[in-house]
Amino acid sequence: NRRGTGILNCLSIKDNTGISVYNDYLKAHIMLDHPKINKI
C-alpha cells in the first residue's frame, strides 16, 4: 500500500529517501549532515 504505508505524503523526496539513514548522518549527534544526505 504505497499511499497508506509507503510514502510520507507531506514531505519531500529528500525526506522520503533519507529518513531511513538520517540517524547514520548526524553531526555531533544532533545535526543532520545535509551535504552527505543530498549526495545519497
All heavy atoms as atom14 arrays in JSON, in Angstrom:
{
  "sequence": "NRRGTGILNCLSIKDNTGISVYNDYLKAHIMLDHPKINKI",
  "atom14_mask": [
    [1, 1, 1, 1, 1, 1, 1, 1, 0, 0, 0, 0, 0, 0],
    [1, 1, 1, 1, 1, 1, 1, 1, 1, 1, 1, 0, 0, 0],
    [1, 1, 1, 1, 1, 1, 1, 1, 1, 1, 1, 0, 0, 0],
    [1, 1, 1, 1, 0, 0, 0, 0, 0, 0, 0, 0, 0, 0],
    [1, 1, 1, 1, 1, 1, 1, 0, 0, 0, 0, 0, 0, 0],
    [1, 1, 1, 1, 0, 0, 0, 0, 0, 0, 0, 0, 0, 0],
    [1, 1, 1, 1, 1, 1, 1, 1, 0, 0, 0, 0, 0, 0],
    [1, 1, 1, 1, 1, 1, 1, 1, 0, 0, 0, 0, 0, 0],
    [1, 1, 1, 1, 1, 1, 1, 1, 0, 0, 0, 0, 0, 0],
    [1, 1, 1, 1, 1, 1, 0, 0, 0, 0, 0, 0, 0, 0],
    [1, 1, 1, 1, 1, 1, 1, 1, 0, 0, 0, 0, 0, 0],
    [1, 1, 1, 1, 1, 1, 0, 0, 0, 0, 0, 0, 0, 0],
    [1, 1, 1, 1, 1, 1, 1, 1, 0, 0, 0, 0, 0, 0],
    [1, 1, 1, 1, 1, 1, 1, 1, 1, 0, 0, 0, 0, 0],
    [1, 1, 1, 1, 1, 1, 1, 1, 0, 0, 0, 0, 0, 0],
    [1, 1, 1, 1, 1, 1, 1, 1, 0, 0, 0, 0, 0, 0],
    [1, 1, 1, 1, 1, 1, 1, 0, 0, 0, 0, 0, 0, 0],
    [1, 1, 1, 1, 0, 0, 0, 0, 0, 0, 0, 0, 0, 0],
    [1, 1, 1, 1, 1, 1, 1, 1, 0, 0, 0, 0, 0, 0],
    [1, 1, 1, 1, 1, 1, 0, 0, 0, 0, 0, 0, 0, 0],
    [1, 1, 1, 1, 1, 1, 1, 0, 0, 0, 0, 0, 0, 0],
    [1, 1, 1, 1, 1, 1, 1, 1, 1, 1, 1, 1, 0, 0],
    [1, 1, 1, 1, 1, 1, 1, 1, 0, 0, 0, 0, 0, 0],
    [1, 1, 1, 1, 1, 1, 1, 1, 0, 0, 0, 0, 0, 0],
    [1, 1, 1, 1, 1, 1, 1, 1, 1, 1, 1, 1, 0, 0],
    [1, 1, 1, 1, 1, 1, 1, 1, 0, 0, 0, 0, 0, 0],
    [1, 1, 1, 1, 1, 1, 1, 1, 1, 0, 0, 0, 0, 0],
    [1, 1, 1, 1, 1, 0, 0, 0, 0, 0, 0, 0, 0, 0],
    [1, 1, 1, 1, 1, 1, 1, 1, 1, 1, 0, 0, 0, 0],
    [1, 1, 1, 1, 1, 1, 1, 1, 0, 0, 0, 0, 0, 0],
    [1, 1, 1, 1, 1, 1, 1, 1, 0, 0, 0, 0, 0, 0],
    [1, 1, 1, 1, 1, 1, 1, 1, 0, 0, 0, 0, 0, 0],
    [1, 1, 1, 1, 1, 1, 1, 1, 0, 0, 0, 0, 0, 0],
    [1, 1, 1, 1, 1, 1, 1, 1, 1, 1, 0, 0, 0, 0],
    [1, 1, 1, 1, 1, 1, 1, 0, 0, 0, 0, 0, 0, 0],
    [1, 1, 1, 1, 1, 1, 1, 1, 1, 0, 0, 0, 0, 0],
    [1, 1, 1, 1, 1, 1, 1, 1, 0, 0, 0, 0, 0, 0],
    [1, 1, 1, 1, 1, 1, 1, 1, 0, 0, 0, 0, 0, 0],
    [1, 1, 1, 1, 1, 1, 1, 1, 1, 0, 0, 0, 0, 0],
    [1, 1, 1, 1, 1, 1, 1, 1, 0, 0, 0, 0, 0, 0]
  ],
  "atom14_positions": [
    [[0.84, -1.2, 0.0], [0.0, 0.0, 0.0], [0.88, 1.25, 0.0], [1.2, 1.8, 1.04], [-0.92, -0.02, 1.23], [-1.94, 1.11, 1.2], [-1.94, 1.94, 0.3], [-2.81, 1.13, 2.19], [0.0, 0.0, 0.0], [0.0, 0.0, 0.0], [0.0, 0.0, 0.0], [0.0, 0.0, 0.0], [0.0, 0.0, 0.0], [0.0, 0.0, 0.0]],
    [[1.27, 1.66, -1.18], [2.21, 2.78, -1.33], [1.71, 4.04, -0.64], [2.45, 4.72, 0.07], [2.44, 3.05, -2.82], [3.31, 4.25, -3.14], [3.64, 4.28, -4.62], [2.48, 4.37, -5.46], [2.18, 3.51, -6.44], [2.94, 2.47, -6.66], [1.1, 3.67, -7.18], [0.0, 0.0, 0.0], [0.0, 0.0, 0.0], [0.0, 0.0, 0.0]],
    [[0.43, 4.38, -0.84], [-0.12, 5.61, -0.28], [-0.29, 5.51, 1.23], [0.01, 6.43, 1.97], [-1.47, 5.91, -0.94], [-2.22, 7.1, -0.37], [-1.6, 8.42, -0.77], [-1.67, 8.67, -2.19], [-1.25, 9.78, -2.76], [-0.72, 10.74, -2.04], [-1.31, 9.93, -4.07], [0.0, 0.0, 0.0], [0.0, 0.0, 0.0], [0.0, 0.0, 0.0]],
    [[-0.78, 4.35, 1.72], [-1.11, 4.23, 3.14], [0.08, 4.0, 4.04], [0.17, 4.57, 5.13], [0.0, 0.0, 0.0], [0.0, 0.0, 0.0], [0.0, 0.0, 0.0], [0.0, 0.0, 0.0], [0.0, 0.0, 0.0], [0.0, 0.0, 0.0], [0.0, 0.0, 0.0], [0.0, 0.0, 0.0], [0.0, 0.0, 0.0], [0.0, 0.0, 0.0]],
    [[1.04, 3.14, 3.61], [2.15, 2.76, 4.49], [3.52, 2.91, 3.84], [4.5, 2.46, 4.41], [1.97, 1.3, 4.96], [1.85, 0.44, 3.8], [0.75, 1.13, 5.83], [0.0, 0.0, 0.0], [0.0, 0.0, 0.0], [0.0, 0.0, 0.0], [0.0, 0.0, 0.0], [0.0, 0.0, 0.0], [0.0, 0.0, 0.0], [0.0, 0.0, 0.0]],
    [[3.57, 3.56, 2.68], [4.84, 3.71, 1.99], [5.39, 5.12, 2.05], [6.3, 5.43, 2.8], [0.0, 0.0, 0.0], [0.0, 0.0, 0.0], [0.0, 0.0, 0.0], [0.0, 0.0, 0.0], [0.0, 0.0, 0.0], [0.0, 0.0, 0.0], [0.0, 0.0, 0.0], [0.0, 0.0, 0.0], [0.0, 0.0, 0.0], [0.0, 0.0, 0.0]],
    [[4.77, 6.02, 1.3], [5.29, 7.38, 1.22], [4.86, 8.22, 2.42], [3.86, 7.93, 3.07], [4.83, 8.08, -0.08], [3.31, 8.28, -0.09], [5.29, 7.31, -1.3], [2.81, 9.17, -1.21], [0.0, 0.0, 0.0], [0.0, 0.0, 0.0], [0.0, 0.0, 0.0], [0.0, 0.0, 0.0], [0.0, 0.0, 0.0], [0.0, 0.0, 0.0]],
    [[5.67, 9.23, 2.7], [5.3, 10.26, 3.69], [4.79, 11.44, 2.86], [5.57, 12.26, 2.37], [6.51, 10.63, 4.54], [7.13, 9.43, 5.29], [8.48, 9.79, 5.88], [6.19, 8.95, 6.38], [0.0, 0.0, 0.0], [0.0, 0.0, 0.0], [0.0, 0.0, 0.0], [0.0, 0.0, 0.0], [0.0, 0.0, 0.0], [0.0, 0.0, 0.0]],
    [[3.48, 11.49, 2.71], [2.84, 12.27, 1.67], [3.16, 13.75, 1.72], [3.28, 14.41, 0.68], [1.32, 12.07, 1.75], [0.62, 12.44, 0.46], [1.05, 12.06, -0.61], [-0.46, 13.19, 0.58], [0.0, 0.0, 0.0], [0.0, 0.0, 0.0], [0.0, 0.0, 0.0], [0.0, 0.0, 0.0], [0.0, 0.0, 0.0], [0.0, 0.0, 0.0]],
    [[3.32, 14.31, 2.92], [3.5, 15.76, 3.04], [4.97, 16.16, 3.02], [5.29, 17.35, 3.15], [2.85, 16.26, 4.32], [3.52, 15.51, 5.82], [0.0, 0.0, 0.0], [0.0, 0.0, 0.0], [0.0, 0.0, 0.0], [0.0, 0.0, 0.0], [0.0, 0.0, 0.0], [0.0, 0.0, 0.0], [0.0, 0.0, 0.0], [0.0, 0.0, 0.0]],
    [[5.89, 15.21, 2.86], [7.32, 15.52, 2.9], [7.94, 15.46, 1.5], [7.33, 14.99, 0.54], [8.04, 14.54, 3.84], [7.61, 14.59, 5.31], [8.44, 13.61, 6.14], [7.74, 16.0, 5.88], [0.0, 0.0, 0.0], [0.0, 0.0, 0.0], [0.0, 0.0, 0.0], [0.0, 0.0, 0.0], [0.0, 0.0, 0.0], [0.0, 0.0, 0.0]],
    [[9.17, 15.92, 1.42], [9.89, 16.0, 0.14], [10.46, 14.64, -0.26], [10.49, 13.68, 0.53], [11.03, 17.0, 0.25], [12.01, 16.51, 1.16], [0.0, 0.0, 0.0], [0.0, 0.0, 0.0], [0.0, 0.0, 0.0], [0.0, 0.0, 0.0], [0.0, 0.0, 0.0], [0.0, 0.0, 0.0], [0.0, 0.0, 0.0], [0.0, 0.0, 0.0]],
    [[10.94, 14.58, -1.49], [11.65, 13.39, -1.96], [12.88, 13.13, -1.1], [13.19, 11.99, -0.74], [12.05, 13.57, -3.44], [10.8, 13.63, -4.32], [12.97, 12.45, -3.91], [11.06, 14.08, -5.72], [0.0, 0.0, 0.0], [0.0, 0.0, 0.0], [0.0, 0.0, 0.0], [0.0, 0.0, 0.0], [0.0, 0.0, 0.0], [0.0, 0.0, 0.0]],
    [[13.58, 14.2, -0.75], [14.77, 14.05, 0.1], [14.42, 13.39, 1.43], [15.09, 12.44, 1.85], [15.4, 15.42, 0.35], [16.58, 15.37, 1.33], [17.16, 16.76, 1.57], [18.26, 16.71, 2.64], [18.84, 18.04, 2.88], [0.0, 0.0, 0.0], [0.0, 0.0, 0.0], [0.0, 0.0, 0.0], [0.0, 0.0, 0.0], [0.0, 0.0, 0.0]],
    [[13.37, 13.87, 2.08], [12.99, 13.3, 3.38], [12.5, 11.87, 3.23], [12.78, 11.01, 4.06], [11.92, 14.16, 4.04], [12.47, 15.48, 4.58], [13.65, 15.5, 4.95], [11.72, 16.47, 4.6], [0.0, 0.0, 0.0], [0.0, 0.0, 0.0], [0.0, 0.0, 0.0], [0.0, 0.0, 0.0], [0.0, 0.0, 0.0], [0.0, 0.0, 0.0]],
    [[11.75, 11.6, 2.16], [11.23, 10.25, 1.96], [12.35, 9.26, 1.66], [12.26, 8.1, 2.05], [10.21, 10.24, 0.81], [8.8, 10.5, 1.3], [8.09, 9.59, 1.68], [8.41, 11.78, 1.3], [0.0, 0.0, 0.0], [0.0, 0.0, 0.0], [0.0, 0.0, 0.0], [0.0, 0.0, 0.0], [0.0, 0.0, 0.0], [0.0, 0.0, 0.0]],
    [[13.4, 9.72, 0.99], [14.53, 8.84, 0.7], [15.46, 8.74, 1.89], [15.9, 7.65, 2.28], [15.32, 9.37, -0.52], [14.44, 9.49, -1.63], [16.47, 8.43, -0.87], [0.0, 0.0, 0.0], [0.0, 0.0, 0.0], [0.0, 0.0, 0.0], [0.0, 0.0, 0.0], [0.0, 0.0, 0.0], [0.0, 0.0, 0.0], [0.0, 0.0, 0.0]],
    [[15.77, 9.87, 2.5], [16.81, 9.91, 3.53], [16.39, 9.47, 4.91], [17.25, 9.2, 5.76], [0.0, 0.0, 0.0], [0.0, 0.0, 0.0], [0.0, 0.0, 0.0], [0.0, 0.0, 0.0], [0.0, 0.0, 0.0], [0.0, 0.0, 0.0], [0.0, 0.0, 0.0], [0.0, 0.0, 0.0], [0.0, 0.0, 0.0], [0.0, 0.0, 0.0]],
    [[15.08, 9.35, 5.15], [14.61, 9.08, 6.51], [15.17, 7.77, 7.07], [15.39, 7.64, 8.27], [13.07, 9.07, 6.56], [12.59, 9.09, 8.02], [12.49, 7.88, 5.79], [11.11, 9.37, 8.16], [0.0, 0.0, 0.0], [0.0, 0.0, 0.0], [0.0, 0.0, 0.0], [0.0, 0.0, 0.0], [0.0, 0.0, 0.0], [0.0, 0.0, 0.0]],
    [[15.46, 6.81, 6.2], [15.97, 5.52, 6.68], [17.43, 5.61, 7.13], [17.92, 4.7, 7.81], [15.84, 4.46, 5.59], [16.63, 4.8, 4.47], [0.0, 0.0, 0.0], [0.0, 0.0, 0.0], [0.0, 0.0, 0.0], [0.0, 0.0, 0.0], [0.0, 0.0, 0.0], [0.0, 0.0, 0.0], [0.0, 0.0, 0.0], [0.0, 0.0, 0.0]],
    [[18.13, 6.7, 6.77], [19.56, 6.79, 7.13], [19.89, 8.06, 7.91], [21.06, 8.33, 8.19], [20.45, 6.74, 5.85], [20.32, 5.39, 5.17], [20.11, 7.87, 4.88], [0.0, 0.0, 0.0], [0.0, 0.0, 0.0], [0.0, 0.0, 0.0], [0.0, 0.0, 0.0], [0.0, 0.0, 0.0], [0.0, 0.0, 0.0], [0.0, 0.0, 0.0]],
    [[18.88, 8.84, 8.28], [19.16, 10.09, 8.99], [19.98, 9.86, 10.26], [20.87, 10.66, 10.6], [17.86, 10.81, 9.33], [17.31, 11.66, 8.19], [16.03, 12.22, 8.26], [18.07, 11.92, 7.06], [15.53, 13.01, 7.23], [17.57, 12.69, 6.03], [16.31, 13.24, 6.12], [15.83, 14.01, 5.1], [0.0, 0.0, 0.0], [0.0, 0.0, 0.0]],
    [[19.68, 8.8, 10.98], [20.43, 8.54, 12.22], [21.9, 8.24, 11.97], [22.74, 8.38, 12.87], [19.8, 7.37, 12.99], [18.52, 7.78, 13.69], [18.27, 8.96, 13.91], [17.68, 6.81, 14.03], [0.0, 0.0, 0.0], [0.0, 0.0, 0.0], [0.0, 0.0, 0.0], [0.0, 0.0, 0.0], [0.0, 0.0, 0.0], [0.0, 0.0, 0.0]],
    [[22.23, 7.81, 10.74], [23.62, 7.49, 10.41], [24.41, 8.71, 9.95], [25.63, 8.62, 9.78], [23.65, 6.43, 9.3], [22.97, 5.13, 9.72], [23.04, 4.8, 10.92], [22.38, 4.46, 8.86], [0.0, 0.0, 0.0], [0.0, 0.0, 0.0], [0.0, 0.0, 0.0], [0.0, 0.0, 0.0], [0.0, 0.0, 0.0], [0.0, 0.0, 0.0]],
    [[23.73, 9.82, 9.72], [24.42, 11.01, 9.21], [24.11, 12.21, 10.1], [23.44, 13.16, 9.68], [24.0, 11.27, 7.75], [24.53, 10.23, 6.81], [23.78, 9.09, 6.51], [25.8, 10.34, 6.26], [24.28, 8.12, 5.66], [26.31, 9.37, 5.41], [25.54, 8.26, 5.11], [26.05, 7.3, 4.28], [0.0, 0.0, 0.0], [0.0, 0.0, 0.0]],
    [[24.6, 12.15, 11.31], [24.44, 13.23, 12.28], [25.78, 13.85, 12.62], [26.78, 13.15, 12.8], [23.78, 12.69, 13.57], [22.34, 12.21, 13.47], [21.92, 11.57, 14.79], [21.4, 13.36, 13.12], [0.0, 0.0, 0.0], [0.0, 0.0, 0.0], [0.0, 0.0, 0.0], [0.0, 0.0, 0.0], [0.0, 0.0, 0.0], [0.0, 0.0, 0.0]],
    [[25.8, 15.17, 12.7], [26.99, 15.88, 13.18], [26.83, 16.13, 14.67], [25.81, 16.66, 15.1], [27.14, 17.22, 12.45], [27.43, 17.12, 10.97], [27.53, 18.52, 10.38], [27.81, 18.49, 8.89], [27.84, 19.86, 8.31], [0.0, 0.0, 0.0], [0.0, 0.0, 0.0], [0.0, 0.0, 0.0], [0.0, 0.0, 0.0], [0.0, 0.0, 0.0]],
    [[27.82, 15.71, 15.43], [27.79, 15.89, 16.89], [26.53, 15.3, 17.5], [26.03, 15.74, 18.52], [27.9, 17.38, 17.25], [0.0, 0.0, 0.0], [0.0, 0.0, 0.0], [0.0, 0.0, 0.0], [0.0, 0.0, 0.0], [0.0, 0.0, 0.0], [0.0, 0.0, 0.0], [0.0, 0.0, 0.0], [0.0, 0.0, 0.0], [0.0, 0.0, 0.0]],
    [[25.98, 14.28, 16.82], [24.81, 13.54, 17.3], [23.53, 14.37, 17.37], [22.53, 13.92, 17.91], [25.08, 12.94, 18.7], [26.29, 12.06, 18.74], [26.35, 10.84, 18.11], [27.5, 12.26, 19.32], [27.55, 10.3, 18.31], [28.27, 11.15, 19.02], [0.0, 0.0, 0.0], [0.0, 0.0, 0.0], [0.0, 0.0, 0.0], [0.0, 0.0, 0.0]],
    [[23.55, 15.59, 16.81], [22.35, 16.43, 16.92], [21.93, 17.09, 15.6], [20.78, 17.48, 15.45], [22.53, 17.54, 17.99], [23.76, 18.4, 17.66], [22.61, 16.96, 19.38], [23.84, 19.64, 18.53], [0.0, 0.0, 0.0], [0.0, 0.0, 0.0], [0.0, 0.0, 0.0], [0.0, 0.0, 0.0], [0.0, 0.0, 0.0], [0.0, 0.0, 0.0]],
    [[22.85, 17.2, 14.64], [22.54, 17.91, 13.39], [22.74, 17.0, 12.19], [23.7, 16.24, 12.13], [23.44, 19.15, 13.23], [23.21, 20.22, 14.28], [24.38, 21.59, 14.08], [24.02, 22.11, 12.42], [0.0, 0.0, 0.0], [0.0, 0.0, 0.0], [0.0, 0.0, 0.0], [0.0, 0.0, 0.0], [0.0, 0.0, 0.0], [0.0, 0.0, 0.0]],
    [[21.8, 17.08, 11.24], [21.92, 16.28, 10.04], [23.05, 16.79, 9.16], [23.23, 18.0, 9.0], [20.6, 16.31, 9.25], [19.41, 15.58, 9.87], [18.15, 15.85, 9.07], [19.68, 14.08, 9.95], [0.0, 0.0, 0.0], [0.0, 0.0, 0.0], [0.0, 0.0, 0.0], [0.0, 0.0, 0.0], [0.0, 0.0, 0.0], [0.0, 0.0, 0.0]],
    [[23.8, 15.86, 8.58], [24.87, 16.2, 7.65], [24.26, 16.3, 6.25], [24.27, 15.34, 5.47], [25.96, 15.12, 7.7], [27.21, 15.53, 6.93], [27.09, 16.4, 6.05], [28.29, 14.99, 7.22], [0.0, 0.0, 0.0], [0.0, 0.0, 0.0], [0.0, 0.0, 0.0], [0.0, 0.0, 0.0], [0.0, 0.0, 0.0], [0.0, 0.0, 0.0]],
    [[23.7, 17.45, 5.93], [22.93, 17.61, 4.71], [23.74, 17.39, 3.43], [23.21, 16.78, 2.48], [22.25, 18.98, 4.69], [21.1, 19.08, 5.63], [19.89, 18.44, 5.41], [20.97, 19.73, 6.82], [19.07, 18.69, 6.4], [19.69, 19.47, 7.29], [0.0, 0.0, 0.0], [0.0, 0.0, 0.0], [0.0, 0.0, 0.0], [0.0, 0.0, 0.0]],
    [[25.0, 17.83, 3.32], [25.74, 17.57, 2.08], [25.85, 16.08, 1.77], [25.67, 15.68, 0.61], [27.12, 18.19, 2.37], [26.83, 19.28, 3.35], [25.74, 18.74, 4.22], [0.0, 0.0, 0.0], [0.0, 0.0, 0.0], [0.0, 0.0, 0.0], [0.0, 0.0, 0.0], [0.0, 0.0, 0.0], [0.0, 0.0, 0.0], [0.0, 0.0, 0.0]],
    [[26.12, 15.25, 2.77], [26.23, 13.8, 2.53], [24.87, 13.2, 2.19], [24.77, 12.34, 1.3], [26.82, 13.11, 3.76], [28.3, 13.4, 3.97], [28.86, 12.64, 5.16], [30.35, 12.93, 5.32], [30.93, 12.2, 6.49], [0.0, 0.0, 0.0], [0.0, 0.0, 0.0], [0.0, 0.0, 0.0], [0.0, 0.0, 0.0], [0.0, 0.0, 0.0]],
    [[23.83, 13.65, 2.89], [22.49, 13.14, 2.61], [22.05, 13.56, 1.21], [21.47, 12.76, 0.46], [21.49, 13.66, 3.67], [21.82, 13.05, 5.04], [20.06, 13.31, 3.28], [21.07, 13.68, 6.19], [0.0, 0.0, 0.0], [0.0, 0.0, 0.0], [0.0, 0.0, 0.0], [0.0, 0.0, 0.0], [0.0, 0.0, 0.0], [0.0, 0.0, 0.0]],
    [[22.34, 14.8, 0.84], [21.98, 15.29, -0.5], [22.63, 14.44, -1.59], [22.01, 14.16, -2.63], [22.4, 16.75, -0.67], [21.53, 17.69, 0.15], [20.49, 17.31, 0.66], [21.97, 18.93, 0.28], [0.0, 0.0, 0.0], [0.0, 0.0, 0.0], [0.0, 0.0, 0.0], [0.0, 0.0, 0.0], [0.0, 0.0, 0.0], [0.0, 0.0, 0.0]],
    [[23.89, 14.02, -1.36], [24.58, 13.2, -2.36], [23.91, 11.83, -2.5], [23.71, 11.33, -3.62], [26.05, 13.01, -1.98], [26.84, 12.27, -3.06], [28.3, 12.17, -2.74], [29.09, 11.61, -3.91], [28.5, 10.43, -4.55], [0.0, 0.0, 0.0], [0.0, 0.0, 0.0], [0.0, 0.0, 0.0], [0.0, 0.0, 0.0], [0.0, 0.0, 0.0]],
    [[23.51, 11.24, -1.37], [22.83, 9.95, -1.42], [21.52, 10.06, -2.18], [21.21, 9.24, -3.05], [22.57, 9.43, 0.01], [23.88, 9.04, 0.69], [21.6, 8.23, 0.01], [23.75, 8.72, 2.16], [0.0, 0.0, 0.0], [0.0, 0.0, 0.0], [0.0, 0.0, 0.0], [0.0, 0.0, 0.0], [0.0, 0.0, 0.0], [0.0, 0.0, 0.0]]
  ]
}
